[in-house]
Amino acid sequence: MKFGKEFTSQMVPEWHEAYMNYDYLKTLLKDIIRFKRKNNPHHHGHGHHHQLRGTLTLYRSFSGLLAKSGRRRHHHGGGQIGHLSDSDDDIEEGLRSAPILVHSASHGYETTFLMAAEEGGEYETLFFRRLDDEFNKVDRFYKEKVEEVVKEAVMLNKQMDALIAFRVKVEHPDGWPWEERTVEMTQLASDVASSAAAVTASTPARARSGK
C-alpha cells in the first residue's frame, strides 16, 4: 500500500482536519519536478552527482547531521568501520550550501528558502510556505490536546482527593450530620459525571473503542 493510502487509513476521523494535507503537498512537489524537467531536460542524466550532493545537504539541514559530534561510517569494500568527524570547515561549507533555514517564530516555525531568486524558485518557495502552514497546524493541534489532557489530569487529581476525604468521613462519621453527607455525596457525584462527560467529549470514538 502506498504511503498516501496508508496515511489516510490510519487517520482518526474526528481529527481529520488536523492532519497534514499530504495530497496537496505532493501536488506542489510534482509541480516543482515538472518545471525542472521541462526547463532542464538533460539535468537528470548529467547532474546526478550534483543532485545527490544537494539531497544530502538538504537532509543534513533537516536532520541535524551538521552537528560537531563524531559519526561512524561503514566501508563497504573492506568491511571495516571507521570514525568520521566533521571539521569546522565542513560544517561551515554545509551551512553555506544548505538551501533552507528553519527558525522558530512566535506563531510557529518558518522556513526560508535561500534559492528563491533562481529559476523556478517560486515553486519551491510556495512549497515550503505551505509545508510550514501544515506543520504548524499539526503542532498547534497537539499542543491544544496536551493542554486538555493536563487540565483533565488536574481535575481528576482534585476528584481523587475529594474521594479520599469522603471515604475518611464515611469510615469515621462521628459529628458528620446527615444533611451534610447528602450535600457532599450529591456534589461529588455531579463532579465525577461532569469529568467523565468532558473526557468522553474530547476522546475520539475510535480511541474509546480501542480500534
C-alpha atoms as a PDB file:
ATOM      1  CA  MET A   1       0.000   0.000   0.000  1.00  0.00           C
ATOM      2  CA  LYS A   2       1.295   3.460  -0.918  1.00  0.00           C
ATOM      3  CA  PHE A   3       2.091   5.900   1.854  1.00  0.00           C
ATOM      4  CA  GLY A   4      -0.780   8.237   0.954  1.00  0.00           C
ATOM      5  CA  LYS A   5      -3.393   5.488   1.262  1.00  0.00           C
ATOM      6  CA  GLU A   6      -1.805   4.108   4.433  1.00  0.00           C
ATOM      7  CA  PHE A   7      -1.716   7.622   5.893  1.00  0.00           C
ATOM      8  CA  THR A   8      -5.419   8.137   5.159  1.00  0.00           C
ATOM      9  CA  SER A   9      -6.415   4.727   6.525  1.00  0.00           C
ATOM     10  CA  GLN A  10      -4.751   5.483   9.872  1.00  0.00           C
ATOM     11  CA  MET A  11      -6.479   8.840  10.377  1.00  0.00           C
ATOM     12  CA  VAL A  12      -8.796   9.425  13.327  1.00  0.00           C
ATOM     13  CA  PRO A  13     -11.999  10.673  11.603  1.00  0.00           C
ATOM     14  CA  GLU A  14     -12.823  13.265  14.266  1.00  0.00           C
ATOM     15  CA  TRP A  15      -9.348  14.779  13.869  1.00  0.00           C
ATOM     16  CA  HIS A  16      -9.254  14.688  10.080  1.00  0.00           C
ATOM     17  CA  GLU A  17      -8.872  18.462   9.675  1.00  0.00           C
ATOM     18  CA  ALA A  18      -5.842  18.487  11.983  1.00  0.00           C
ATOM     19  CA  TYR A  19      -3.769  16.156   9.791  1.00  0.00           C
ATOM     20  CA  MET A  20      -1.161  17.393   7.345  1.00  0.00           C
ATOM     21  CA  ASN A  21      -2.589  17.757   3.825  1.00  0.00           C
ATOM     22  CA  TYR A  22      -0.332  15.178   2.237  1.00  0.00           C
ATOM     23  CA  ASP A  23      -2.046  15.164  -1.171  1.00  0.00           C
ATOM     24  CA  TYR A  24      -1.750  18.939  -1.555  1.00  0.00           C
ATOM     25  CA  LEU A  25       1.932  18.984  -0.600  1.00  0.00           C
ATOM     26  CA  LYS A  26       2.570  16.117  -3.003  1.00  0.00           C
ATOM     27  CA  THR A  27       0.902  18.138  -5.767  1.00  0.00           C
ATOM     28  CA  LEU A  28       3.256  21.057  -5.099  1.00  0.00           C
ATOM     29  CA  LEU A  29       6.268  18.745  -5.273  1.00  0.00           C
ATOM     30  CA  LYS A  30       5.046  17.385  -8.610  1.00  0.00           C
ATOM     31  CA  ASP A  31       4.790  20.963  -9.899  1.00  0.00           C
ATOM     32  CA  ILE A  32       8.436  21.508  -8.944  1.00  0.00           C
ATOM     33  CA  ILE A  33       9.530  18.303 -10.665  1.00  0.00           C
ATOM     34  CA  ARG A  34       7.567  19.102 -13.835  1.00  0.00           C
ATOM     35  CA  PHE A  35       9.098  22.571 -14.022  1.00  0.00           C
ATOM     36  CA  LYS A  36      12.647  21.275 -13.588  1.00  0.00           C
ATOM     37  CA  ARG A  37      12.181  18.538 -16.199  1.00  0.00           C
ATOM     38  CA  LYS A  38      10.665  20.996 -18.653  1.00  0.00           C
ATOM     39  CA  ASN A  39      13.404  23.592 -18.255  1.00  0.00           C
ATOM     40  CA  ASN A  40      16.348  21.236 -17.631  1.00  0.00           C
ATOM     41  CA  PRO A  41      15.725  18.160 -19.805  1.00  0.00           C
ATOM     42  CA  HIS A  42      19.361  16.991 -19.569  1.00  0.00           C
ATOM     43  CA  HIS A  43      19.849  17.798 -15.903  1.00  0.00           C
ATOM     44  CA  HIS A  44      18.525  14.467 -14.703  1.00  0.00           C
ATOM     45  CA  GLY A  45      21.064  12.437 -16.650  1.00  0.00           C
ATOM     46  CA  HIS A  46      24.202  14.564 -16.378  1.00  0.00           C
ATOM     47  CA  GLY A  47      23.706  16.129 -12.975  1.00  0.00           C
ATOM     48  CA  HIS A  48      23.130  13.024 -10.893  1.00  0.00           C
ATOM     49  CA  HIS A  49      26.145  13.654  -8.672  1.00  0.00           C
ATOM     50  CA  HIS A  50      25.101  17.274  -8.093  1.00  0.00           C
ATOM     51  CA  GLN A  51      21.542  16.200  -7.283  1.00  0.00           C
ATOM     52  CA  LEU A  52      22.781  13.596  -4.817  1.00  0.00           C
ATOM     53  CA  ARG A  53      25.021  16.112  -3.076  1.00  0.00           C
ATOM     54  CA  GLY A  54      22.167  18.617  -2.882  1.00  0.00           C
ATOM     55  CA  THR A  55      19.845  15.970  -1.487  1.00  0.00           C
ATOM     56  CA  LEU A  56      22.346  15.021   1.203  1.00  0.00           C
ATOM     57  CA  THR A  57      22.847  18.666   2.149  1.00  0.00           C
ATOM     58  CA  LEU A  58      19.087  19.194   2.395  1.00  0.00           C
ATOM     59  CA  TYR A  59      18.794  16.049   4.518  1.00  0.00           C
ATOM     60  CA  ARG A  60      21.534  17.274   6.833  1.00  0.00           C
ATOM     61  CA  SER A  61      19.852  20.643   7.268  1.00  0.00           C
ATOM     62  CA  PHE A  62      16.736  18.838   8.481  1.00  0.00           C
ATOM     63  CA  SER A  63      18.314  16.013  10.472  1.00  0.00           C
ATOM     64  CA  GLY A  64      20.986  17.913  12.382  1.00  0.00           C
ATOM     65  CA  LEU A  65      23.841  15.953  10.797  1.00  0.00           C
ATOM     66  CA  LEU A  66      25.823  19.188  10.629  1.00  0.00           C
ATOM     67  CA  ALA A  67      26.412  18.941  14.376  1.00  0.00           C
ATOM     68  CA  LYS A  68      30.009  18.646  15.558  1.00  0.00           C
ATOM     69  CA  SER A  69      29.553  15.226  17.103  1.00  0.00           C
ATOM     70  CA  GLY A  70      31.512  12.378  15.526  1.00  0.00           C
ATOM     71  CA  ARG A  71      29.822   9.815  13.276  1.00  0.00           C
ATOM     72  CA  ARG A  72      30.502   6.198  12.372  1.00  0.00           C
ATOM     73  CA  ARG A  73      30.992   5.194   8.745  1.00  0.00           C
ATOM     74  CA  HIS A  74      30.928   1.717   7.225  1.00  0.00           C
ATOM     75  CA  HIS A  75      33.426   0.985   4.443  1.00  0.00           C
ATOM     76  CA  HIS A  76      31.656  -1.468   2.152  1.00  0.00           C
ATOM     77  CA  GLY A  77      34.807  -2.612   0.370  1.00  0.00           C
ATOM     78  CA  GLY A  78      36.881  -3.779   3.316  1.00  0.00           C
ATOM     79  CA  GLY A  79      34.078  -4.324   5.746  1.00  0.00           C
ATOM     80  CA  GLN A  80      35.809  -2.084   8.283  1.00  0.00           C
ATOM     81  CA  ILE A  81      34.142   0.520  10.437  1.00  0.00           C
ATOM     82  CA  GLY A  82      35.962   3.817  10.772  1.00  0.00           C
ATOM     83  CA  HIS A  83      35.313   7.030  12.666  1.00  0.00           C
ATOM     84  CA  LEU A  84      34.189  10.094  10.736  1.00  0.00           C
ATOM     85  CA  SER A  85      34.116  13.551  12.308  1.00  0.00           C
ATOM     86  CA  ASP A  86      33.036  16.877  10.827  1.00  0.00           C
ATOM     87  CA  SER A  87      35.624  19.650  10.806  1.00  0.00           C
ATOM     88  CA  ASP A  88      34.643  23.285  11.313  1.00  0.00           C
ATOM     89  CA  ASP A  89      35.252  23.911   7.604  1.00  0.00           C
ATOM     90  CA  ASP A  90      32.890  21.071   6.653  1.00  0.00           C
ATOM     91  CA  ILE A  91      30.204  22.452   8.925  1.00  0.00           C
ATOM     92  CA  GLU A  92      30.553  25.992   7.580  1.00  0.00           C
ATOM     93  CA  GLU A  93      30.511  24.731   3.990  1.00  0.00           C
ATOM     94  CA  GLY A  94      27.392  22.691   4.692  1.00  0.00           C
ATOM     95  CA  LEU A  95      25.636  25.672   6.236  1.00  0.00           C
ATOM     96  CA  ARG A  96      26.572  27.893   3.295  1.00  0.00           C
ATOM     97  CA  SER A  97      25.262  25.382   0.752  1.00  0.00           C
ATOM     98  CA  ALA A  98      22.105  24.384   2.644  1.00  0.00           C
ATOM     99  CA  PRO A  99      19.092  25.599   0.609  1.00  0.00           C
ATOM    100  CA  ILE A 100      16.857  26.327   3.599  1.00  0.00           C
ATOM    101  CA  LEU A 101      16.912  27.876   7.053  1.00  0.00           C
ATOM    102  CA  VAL A 102      14.297  26.947   9.655  1.00  0.00           C
ATOM    103  CA  HIS A 103      13.695  29.149  12.667  1.00  0.00           C
ATOM    104  CA  SER A 104      11.093  29.391  15.391  1.00  0.00           C
ATOM    105  CA  ALA A 105       8.778  32.408  15.468  1.00  0.00           C
ATOM    106  CA  SER A 106       6.071  33.479  17.903  1.00  0.00           C
ATOM    107  CA  HIS A 107       3.362  31.919  15.738  1.00  0.00           C
ATOM    108  CA  GLY A 108       5.253  28.746  14.832  1.00  0.00           C
ATOM    109  CA  TYR A 109       8.118  27.613  12.612  1.00  0.00           C
ATOM    110  CA  GLU A 110       9.203  29.453   9.469  1.00  0.00           C
ATOM    111  CA  THR A 111      11.318  28.118   6.622  1.00  0.00           C
ATOM    112  CA  THR A 112      13.375  30.480   4.485  1.00  0.00           C
ATOM    113  CA  PHE A 113      14.239  29.127   1.040  1.00  0.00           C
ATOM    114  CA  LEU A 114      17.603  30.643   0.145  1.00  0.00           C
ATOM    115  CA  MET A 115      17.401  29.883  -3.579  1.00  0.00           C
ATOM    116  CA  ALA A 116      14.131  31.708  -4.263  1.00  0.00           C
ATOM    117  CA  ALA A 117      15.800  34.006  -6.809  1.00  0.00           C
ATOM    118  CA  GLU A 118      16.836  31.090  -9.024  1.00  0.00           C
ATOM    119  CA  GLU A 119      14.749  29.918 -11.956  1.00  0.00           C
ATOM    120  CA  GLY A 120      11.673  28.122 -10.653  1.00  0.00           C
ATOM    121  CA  GLY A 121      12.408  29.219  -7.113  1.00  0.00           C
ATOM    122  CA  GLU A 122       8.863  30.494  -6.684  1.00  0.00           C
ATOM    123  CA  TYR A 123       7.573  26.905  -6.865  1.00  0.00           C
ATOM    124  CA  GLU A 124       9.832  25.744  -4.061  1.00  0.00           C
ATOM    125  CA  THR A 125       9.165  28.879  -2.010  1.00  0.00           C
ATOM    126  CA  LEU A 126       5.442  28.141  -2.225  1.00  0.00           C
ATOM    127  CA  PHE A 127       6.044  24.532  -1.188  1.00  0.00           C
ATOM    128  CA  PHE A 128       7.977  25.498   1.943  1.00  0.00           C
ATOM    129  CA  ARG A 129       5.366  28.106   2.892  1.00  0.00           C
ATOM    130  CA  ARG A 130       2.591  25.546   2.652  1.00  0.00           C
ATOM    131  CA  LEU A 131       4.752  22.986   4.458  1.00  0.00           C
ATOM    132  CA  ASP A 132       5.178  25.485   7.302  1.00  0.00           C
ATOM    133  CA  ASP A 133       1.412  26.037   7.395  1.00  0.00           C
ATOM    134  CA  GLU A 134       0.688  22.318   7.580  1.00  0.00           C
ATOM    135  CA  PHE A 135       3.389  21.599  10.141  1.00  0.00           C
ATOM    136  CA  ASN A 136       2.328  24.476  12.387  1.00  0.00           C
ATOM    137  CA  LYS A 137      -1.295  23.356  12.125  1.00  0.00           C
ATOM    138  CA  VAL A 138      -0.369  19.894  13.398  1.00  0.00           C
ATOM    139  CA  ASP A 139       1.906  21.368  16.065  1.00  0.00           C
ATOM    140  CA  ARG A 140      -0.854  23.660  17.372  1.00  0.00           C
ATOM    141  CA  PHE A 141      -3.345  20.801  17.431  1.00  0.00           C
ATOM    142  CA  TYR A 142      -1.114  18.569  19.536  1.00  0.00           C
ATOM    143  CA  LYS A 143      -0.301  21.415  21.920  1.00  0.00           C
ATOM    144  CA  GLU A 144      -4.032  22.012  22.403  1.00  0.00           C
ATOM    145  CA  LYS A 145      -4.588  18.311  23.076  1.00  0.00           C
ATOM    146  CA  VAL A 146      -1.738  18.248  25.584  1.00  0.00           C
ATOM    147  CA  GLU A 147      -3.280  21.223  27.396  1.00  0.00           C
ATOM    148  CA  GLU A 148      -6.626  19.411  27.505  1.00  0.00           C
ATOM    149  CA  VAL A 149      -5.018  16.297  28.979  1.00  0.00           C
ATOM    150  CA  VAL A 150      -3.179  18.367  31.603  1.00  0.00           C
ATOM    151  CA  LYS A 151      -6.426  20.090  32.621  1.00  0.00           C
ATOM    152  CA  GLU A 152      -8.210  16.730  32.821  1.00  0.00           C
ATOM    153  CA  ALA A 153      -5.398  15.319  34.957  1.00  0.00           C
ATOM    154  CA  VAL A 154      -5.649  18.266  37.372  1.00  0.00           C
ATOM    155  CA  MET A 155      -9.412  17.786  37.606  1.00  0.00           C
ATOM    156  CA  LEU A 156      -9.081  14.048  38.191  1.00  0.00           C
ATOM    157  CA  ASN A 157      -6.500  14.633  40.926  1.00  0.00           C
ATOM    158  CA  LYS A 158      -8.878  17.019  42.684  1.00  0.00           C
ATOM    159  CA  GLN A 159     -11.666  14.462  42.452  1.00  0.00           C
ATOM    160  CA  MET A 160      -9.382  11.756  43.809  1.00  0.00           C
ATOM    161  CA  ASP A 161      -8.542  13.967  46.791  1.00  0.00           C
ATOM    162  CA  ALA A 162     -12.263  14.575  47.341  1.00  0.00           C
ATOM    163  CA  LEU A 163     -13.000  10.836  47.172  1.00  0.00           C
ATOM    164  CA  ILE A 164     -10.265  10.083  49.711  1.00  0.00           C
ATOM    165  CA  ALA A 165     -11.575  12.777  52.062  1.00  0.00           C
ATOM    166  CA  PHE A 166     -15.111  11.468  51.606  1.00  0.00           C
ATOM    167  CA  ARG A 167     -14.010   7.919  52.400  1.00  0.00           C
ATOM    168  CA  VAL A 168     -12.341   9.096  55.608  1.00  0.00           C
ATOM    169  CA  LYS A 169     -15.581  10.764  56.664  1.00  0.00           C
ATOM    170  CA  VAL A 170     -17.601   7.636  55.835  1.00  0.00           C
ATOM    171  CA  GLU A 171     -15.277   5.458  57.904  1.00  0.00           C
ATOM    172  CA  HIS A 172     -15.332   7.977  60.780  1.00  0.00           C
ATOM    173  CA  PRO A 173     -18.841   9.531  60.621  1.00  0.00           C
ATOM    174  CA  ASP A 174     -18.899  10.899  64.176  1.00  0.00           C
ATOM    175  CA  GLY A 175     -20.040  14.514  64.141  1.00  0.00           C
ATOM    176  CA  TRP A 176     -20.981  14.387  60.439  1.00  0.00           C
ATOM    177  CA  PRO A 177     -24.662  15.393  60.083  1.00  0.00           C
ATOM    178  CA  TRP A 178     -26.802  13.531  57.566  1.00  0.00           C
ATOM    179  CA  GLU A 179     -27.668  16.770  55.789  1.00  0.00           C
ATOM    180  CA  GLU A 180     -24.012  17.473  55.051  1.00  0.00           C
ATOM    181  CA  ARG A 181     -23.476  13.883  53.899  1.00  0.00           C
ATOM    182  CA  THR A 182     -26.264  14.206  51.346  1.00  0.00           C
ATOM    183  CA  VAL A 183     -24.935  17.512  50.017  1.00  0.00           C
ATOM    184  CA  GLU A 184     -21.353  16.241  49.705  1.00  0.00           C
ATOM    185  CA  MET A 185     -22.423  12.979  48.059  1.00  0.00           C
ATOM    186  CA  THR A 186     -24.544  14.862  45.515  1.00  0.00           C
ATOM    187  CA  GLN A 187     -21.741  17.324  44.736  1.00  0.00           C
ATOM    188  CA  LEU A 188     -19.165  14.548  44.394  1.00  0.00           C
ATOM    189  CA  ALA A 189     -21.411  12.545  42.055  1.00  0.00           C
ATOM    190  CA  SER A 190     -22.010  15.653  39.945  1.00  0.00           C
ATOM    191  CA  ASP A 191     -18.275  16.397  39.677  1.00  0.00           C
ATOM    192  CA  VAL A 192     -17.494  12.818  38.633  1.00  0.00           C
ATOM    193  CA  ALA A 193     -20.245  12.871  35.998  1.00  0.00           C
ATOM    194  CA  SER A 194     -19.002  16.193  34.585  1.00  0.00           C
ATOM    195  CA  SER A 195     -15.436  14.898  34.427  1.00  0.00           C
ATOM    196  CA  ALA A 196     -16.489  11.708  32.656  1.00  0.00           C
ATOM    197  CA  ALA A 197     -18.516  13.710  30.126  1.00  0.00           C
ATOM    198  CA  ALA A 198     -15.573  16.028  29.425  1.00  0.00           C
ATOM    199  CA  VAL A 199     -13.186  13.123  28.872  1.00  0.00           C
ATOM    200  CA  THR A 200     -15.675  11.379  26.580  1.00  0.00           C
ATOM    201  CA  ALA A 201     -16.237  14.540  24.543  1.00  0.00           C
ATOM    202  CA  SER A 202     -12.510  15.109  23.983  1.00  0.00           C
ATOM    203  CA  THR A 203     -11.717  11.483  23.120  1.00  0.00           C
ATOM    204  CA  PRO A 204     -12.479  10.270  19.563  1.00  0.00           C
ATOM    205  CA  ALA A 205     -14.875   7.340  19.229  1.00  0.00           C
ATOM    206  CA  ARG A 206     -12.152   5.292  17.542  1.00  0.00           C
ATOM    207  CA  ALA A 207      -9.865   5.743  20.543  1.00  0.00           C
ATOM    208  CA  ARG A 208     -12.645   4.952  23.017  1.00  0.00           C
ATOM    209  CA  SER A 209     -13.454   1.723  21.193  1.00  0.00           C
ATOM    210  CA  GLY A 210      -9.795   0.689  21.266  1.00  0.00           C
ATOM    211  CA  LYS A 211      -9.605   0.184  17.498  1.00  0.00           C
END
